[in-house]
Amino acid sequence: MNTLRPSRASDGDAVVDLWRRAVDATHDFLSAEDRRAIDAEVAGFLPQAPLLLAVDAEDRPQGFMLLDGSHMEALFIDPAVHGQGIGRQLVEHALAQHSTLTTDVNAQNAQALGFYLRMGFVETGRSGVDSQGRPYPLIHLRHGG
């Protein structure tokens, strides 16, 4: 079990690196141009975002979650530790705080969709494009409520 803690300014480089590895492992559907554009947006935003980190015994981030109220904006796990319960630990932490939790998942990311469905999320709708209007359909999910 990892320790959960809020992110600090000093975690910025590590969380951006973790995000890049996670996206490279799970988002092969992104065009190279969109991947570069998203990378630039994330690198400018993520280091200052109020993340909840799952860290190992040496305080190295293994995964992170970004909540906006009861909406999970982001959940990324280092691909080197996929399947070890880190995503579950972060989601269960959020569910302990919010009776209803929502999130969006790329329709092309079957691995993430399967994870959320196993966690008890249900589909509530779909969008033909992502939140930036890019051609990556989203599946809207809800747990509870």
C-alpha atoms as a PDB file:
ATOM      1  CA  MET A   1       0.000   0.000   0.000  1.00  0.00           C
ATOM      2  CA  ASN A   2       1.323   3.385  -0.955  1.00  0.00           C
ATOM      3  CA  THR A   3       1.112   6.519   1.138  1.00  0.00           C
ATOM      4  CA  LEU A   4      -1.277   9.193  -0.135  1.00  0.00           C
ATOM      5  CA  ARG A   5      -0.278  12.834   0.244  1.00  0.00           C
ATOM      6  CA  PRO A   6      -0.930  16.190  -1.388  1.00  0.00           C
ATOM      7  CA  SER A   7       1.522  17.217  -4.092  1.00  0.00           C
ATOM      8  CA  ARG A   8       4.178  19.849  -3.437  1.00  0.00           C
ATOM      9  CA  ALA A   9       5.916  22.256  -5.796  1.00  0.00           C
ATOM     10  CA  SER A  10       8.999  20.019  -5.668  1.00  0.00           C
ATOM     11  CA  ASP A  11       6.955  17.139  -7.186  1.00  0.00           C
ATOM     12  CA  GLY A  12       6.389  18.999 -10.479  1.00  0.00           C
ATOM     13  CA  ASP A  13       9.037  17.347 -12.639  1.00  0.00           C
ATOM     14  CA  ALA A  14       8.280  13.874 -11.281  1.00  0.00           C
ATOM     15  CA  VAL A  15       4.521  14.106 -11.913  1.00  0.00           C
ATOM     16  CA  VAL A  16       4.984  15.445 -15.452  1.00  0.00           C
ATOM     17  CA  ASP A  17       7.412  12.588 -16.149  1.00  0.00           C
ATOM     18  CA  LEU A  18       4.942  10.079 -14.672  1.00  0.00           C
ATOM     19  CA  TRP A  19       2.137  11.563 -16.811  1.00  0.00           C
ATOM     20  CA  ARG A  20       4.263  11.236 -19.950  1.00  0.00           C
ATOM     21  CA  ARG A  21       5.094   7.577 -19.252  1.00  0.00           C
ATOM     22  CA  ALA A  22       1.451   6.791 -18.468  1.00  0.00           C
ATOM     23  CA  VAL A  23       0.165   8.492 -21.623  1.00  0.00           C
ATOM     24  CA  ASP A  24       2.800   6.822 -23.796  1.00  0.00           C
ATOM     25  CA  ALA A  25       1.730   3.434 -22.384  1.00  0.00           C
ATOM     26  CA  THR A  26      -2.047   3.908 -22.736  1.00  0.00           C
ATOM     27  CA  HIS A  27      -2.833   6.643 -25.283  1.00  0.00           C
ATOM     28  CA  ASP A  28      -1.438   5.235 -28.527  1.00  0.00           C
ATOM     29  CA  PHE A  29      -4.502   6.644 -30.312  1.00  0.00           C
ATOM     30  CA  LEU A  30      -3.232  10.247 -30.020  1.00  0.00           C
ATOM     31  CA  SER A  31      -1.777  11.799 -33.144  1.00  0.00           C
ATOM     32  CA  ALA A  32       1.837  12.960 -32.757  1.00  0.00           C
ATOM     33  CA  GLU A  33       0.738  16.577 -33.200  1.00  0.00           C
ATOM     34  CA  ASP A  34      -1.984  16.329 -30.548  1.00  0.00           C
ATOM     35  CA  ARG A  35       0.365  14.464 -28.189  1.00  0.00           C
ATOM     36  CA  ARG A  36       2.875  17.352 -28.417  1.00  0.00           C
ATOM     37  CA  ALA A  37       0.159  19.990 -27.903  1.00  0.00           C
ATOM     38  CA  ILE A  38      -1.335  18.166 -24.908  1.00  0.00           C
ATOM     39  CA  ASP A  39       2.151  17.660 -23.463  1.00  0.00           C
ATOM     40  CA  ALA A  40       2.797  21.400 -23.578  1.00  0.00           C
ATOM     41  CA  GLU A  41      -0.538  22.135 -21.867  1.00  0.00           C
ATOM     42  CA  VAL A  42       0.046  19.524 -19.165  1.00  0.00           C
ATOM     43  CA  ALA A  43       3.654  20.571 -18.511  1.00  0.00           C
ATOM     44  CA  GLY A  44       2.431  24.123 -17.927  1.00  0.00           C
ATOM     45  CA  PHE A  45      -0.450  23.126 -15.652  1.00  0.00           C
ATOM     46  CA  LEU A  46       0.321  19.916 -13.797  1.00  0.00           C
ATOM     47  CA  PRO A  47       3.216  21.050 -11.545  1.00  0.00           C
ATOM     48  CA  GLN A  48       0.955  23.634  -9.863  1.00  0.00           C
ATOM     49  CA  ALA A  49      -2.194  21.489  -9.755  1.00  0.00           C
ATOM     50  CA  PRO A  50      -3.522  20.301  -6.362  1.00  0.00           C
ATOM     51  CA  LEU A  51      -2.861  16.601  -6.889  1.00  0.00           C
ATOM     52  CA  LEU A  52      -3.232  13.693  -4.531  1.00  0.00           C
ATOM     53  CA  LEU A  53      -0.136  11.538  -4.945  1.00  0.00           C
ATOM     54  CA  ALA A  54       0.404   7.880  -4.183  1.00  0.00           C
ATOM     55  CA  VAL A  55       4.064   7.647  -3.191  1.00  0.00           C
ATOM     56  CA  ASP A  56       6.325   4.694  -2.448  1.00  0.00           C
ATOM     57  CA  ALA A  57       8.506   4.227   0.631  1.00  0.00           C
ATOM     58  CA  GLU A  58      11.121   6.598  -0.856  1.00  0.00           C
ATOM     59  CA  ASP A  59       8.414   9.267  -1.446  1.00  0.00           C
ATOM     60  CA  ARG A  60       8.518   8.782  -5.235  1.00  0.00           C
ATOM     61  CA  PRO A  61       5.184   9.364  -7.002  1.00  0.00           C
ATOM     62  CA  GLN A  62       3.664   6.126  -8.327  1.00  0.00           C
ATOM     63  CA  GLY A  63       0.355   7.675  -9.367  1.00  0.00           C
ATOM     64  CA  PHE A  64      -1.758  10.775  -8.974  1.00  0.00           C
ATOM     65  CA  MET A  65      -5.334  11.973  -9.025  1.00  0.00           C
ATOM     66  CA  LEU A  66      -6.801  15.418  -9.604  1.00  0.00           C
ATOM     67  CA  LEU A  67     -10.256  16.100  -8.193  1.00  0.00           C
ATOM     68  CA  ASP A  68     -12.429  19.112  -8.928  1.00  0.00           C
ATOM     69  CA  GLY A  69     -15.105  18.710  -6.270  1.00  0.00           C
ATOM     70  CA  SER A  70     -16.560  15.267  -6.948  1.00  0.00           C
ATOM     71  CA  HIS A  71     -15.289  15.115 -10.549  1.00  0.00           C
ATOM     72  CA  MET A  72     -12.060  13.222 -11.160  1.00  0.00           C
ATOM     73  CA  GLU A  73     -10.232  15.280 -13.759  1.00  0.00           C
ATOM     74  CA  ALA A  74      -7.205  13.001 -13.893  1.00  0.00           C
ATOM     75  CA  LEU A  75      -5.987   9.623 -12.696  1.00  0.00           C
ATOM     76  CA  PHE A  76      -2.589   8.486 -13.944  1.00  0.00           C
ATOM     77  CA  ILE A  77      -0.496   5.581 -12.714  1.00  0.00           C
ATOM     78  CA  ASP A  78       3.136   4.871 -13.550  1.00  0.00           C
ATOM     79  CA  PRO A  79       2.986   1.991 -16.071  1.00  0.00           C
ATOM     80  CA  ALA A  80       5.812   0.247 -14.196  1.00  0.00           C
ATOM     81  CA  VAL A  81       3.376  -0.353 -11.311  1.00  0.00           C
ATOM     82  CA  HIS A  82       0.107  -0.993 -13.205  1.00  0.00           C
ATOM     83  CA  GLY A  83      -1.996  -3.691 -11.610  1.00  0.00           C
ATOM     84  CA  GLN A  84      -0.678  -3.143  -8.079  1.00  0.00           C
ATOM     85  CA  GLY A  85      -3.809  -1.433  -6.714  1.00  0.00           C
ATOM     86  CA  ILE A  86      -2.603   2.179  -6.822  1.00  0.00           C
ATOM     87  CA  GLY A  87      -5.465   3.397  -9.010  1.00  0.00           C
ATOM     88  CA  ARG A  88      -7.937   1.543  -6.806  1.00  0.00           C
ATOM     89  CA  GLN A  89      -6.395   3.109  -3.688  1.00  0.00           C
ATOM     90  CA  LEU A  90      -6.731   6.621  -5.120  1.00  0.00           C
ATOM     91  CA  VAL A  91     -10.306   6.096  -6.347  1.00  0.00           C
ATOM     92  CA  GLU A  92     -11.391   4.525  -3.050  1.00  0.00           C
ATOM     93  CA  HIS A  93      -9.923   7.536  -1.229  1.00  0.00           C
ATOM     94  CA  ALA A  94     -12.013   9.861  -3.412  1.00  0.00           C
ATOM     95  CA  LEU A  95     -15.125   7.729  -2.881  1.00  0.00           C
ATOM     96  CA  ALA A  96     -14.633   7.956   0.887  1.00  0.00           C
ATOM     97  CA  GLN A  97     -14.918  11.741   0.526  1.00  0.00           C
ATOM     98  CA  HIS A  98     -17.688  11.918  -2.100  1.00  0.00           C
ATOM     99  CA  SER A  99     -20.783   9.714  -2.283  1.00  0.00           C
ATOM    100  CA  THR A 100     -20.907  10.370  -6.029  1.00  0.00           C
ATOM    101  CA  LEU A 101     -17.845  10.558  -8.226  1.00  0.00           C
ATOM    102  CA  THR A 102     -17.773  11.360 -11.939  1.00  0.00           C
ATOM    103  CA  THR A 103     -15.040  11.151 -14.541  1.00  0.00           C
ATOM    104  CA  ASP A 104     -14.516  11.022 -18.287  1.00  0.00           C
ATOM    105  CA  VAL A 105     -12.418   8.434 -20.117  1.00  0.00           C
ATOM    106  CA  ASN A 106     -11.215   8.359 -23.699  1.00  0.00           C
ATOM    107  CA  ALA A 107     -13.335   5.840 -25.584  1.00  0.00           C
ATOM    108  CA  GLN A 108     -10.151   4.494 -27.221  1.00  0.00           C
ATOM    109  CA  ASN A 109      -8.540   3.777 -23.828  1.00  0.00           C
ATOM    110  CA  ALA A 110      -9.990   0.304 -23.242  1.00  0.00           C
ATOM    111  CA  GLN A 111      -7.643  -0.381 -20.319  1.00  0.00           C
ATOM    112  CA  ALA A 112      -8.864   2.659 -18.366  1.00  0.00           C
ATOM    113  CA  LEU A 113     -12.509   2.040 -19.243  1.00  0.00           C
ATOM    114  CA  GLY A 114     -12.229  -1.539 -17.997  1.00  0.00           C
ATOM    115  CA  PHE A 115     -10.674  -0.306 -14.743  1.00  0.00           C
ATOM    116  CA  TYR A 116     -13.492   2.156 -14.090  1.00  0.00           C
ATOM    117  CA  LEU A 117     -16.195  -0.400 -14.884  1.00  0.00           C
ATOM    118  CA  ARG A 118     -14.548  -2.906 -12.495  1.00  0.00           C
ATOM    119  CA  MET A 119     -14.534  -0.151  -9.853  1.00  0.00           C
ATOM    120  CA  GLY A 120     -18.323   0.166 -10.185  1.00  0.00           C
ATOM    121  CA  PHE A 121     -18.627   3.201 -12.451  1.00  0.00           C
ATOM    122  CA  VAL A 122     -21.471   3.251 -14.969  1.00  0.00           C
ATOM    123  CA  GLU A 123     -21.701   5.045 -18.282  1.00  0.00           C
ATOM    124  CA  THR A 124     -23.903   8.148 -18.239  1.00  0.00           C
ATOM    125  CA  GLY A 125     -23.220   9.500 -21.723  1.00  0.00           C
ATOM    126  CA  ARG A 126     -20.758  10.114 -24.514  1.00  0.00           C
ATOM    127  CA  SER A 127     -19.182  13.037 -26.317  1.00  0.00           C
ATOM    128  CA  GLY A 128     -17.803  12.919 -29.841  1.00  0.00           C
ATOM    129  CA  VAL A 129     -14.767  15.036 -28.950  1.00  0.00           C
ATOM    130  CA  ASP A 130     -12.596  15.645 -25.896  1.00  0.00           C
ATOM    131  CA  SER A 131     -12.854  18.737 -23.689  1.00  0.00           C
ATOM    132  CA  GLN A 132     -10.549  20.675 -26.039  1.00  0.00           C
ATOM    133  CA  GLY A 133     -12.616  19.757 -29.096  1.00  0.00           C
ATOM    134  CA  ARG A 134     -10.088  17.227 -30.373  1.00  0.00           C
ATOM    135  CA  PRO A 135     -11.397  14.114 -32.192  1.00  0.00           C
ATOM    136  CA  TYR A 136     -11.068  11.770 -29.211  1.00  0.00           C
ATOM    137  CA  PRO A 137     -14.518  10.638 -28.032  1.00  0.00           C
ATOM    138  CA  LEU A 138     -15.183  10.578 -24.308  1.00  0.00           C
ATOM    139  CA  ILE A 139     -17.288   8.249 -22.200  1.00  0.00           C
ATOM    140  CA  HIS A 140     -18.828   9.986 -19.178  1.00  0.00           C
ATOM    141  CA  LEU A 141     -18.917   7.834 -16.048  1.00  0.00           C
ATOM    142  CA  ARG A 142     -20.453   8.030 -12.571  1.00  0.00           C
ATOM    143  CA  HIS A 143     -20.029   6.045  -9.370  1.00  0.00           C
ATOM    144  CA  GLY A 144     -22.759   6.307  -6.752  1.00  0.00           C
ATOM    145  CA  GLY A 145     -25.633   8.741  -6.555  1.00  0.00           C
END
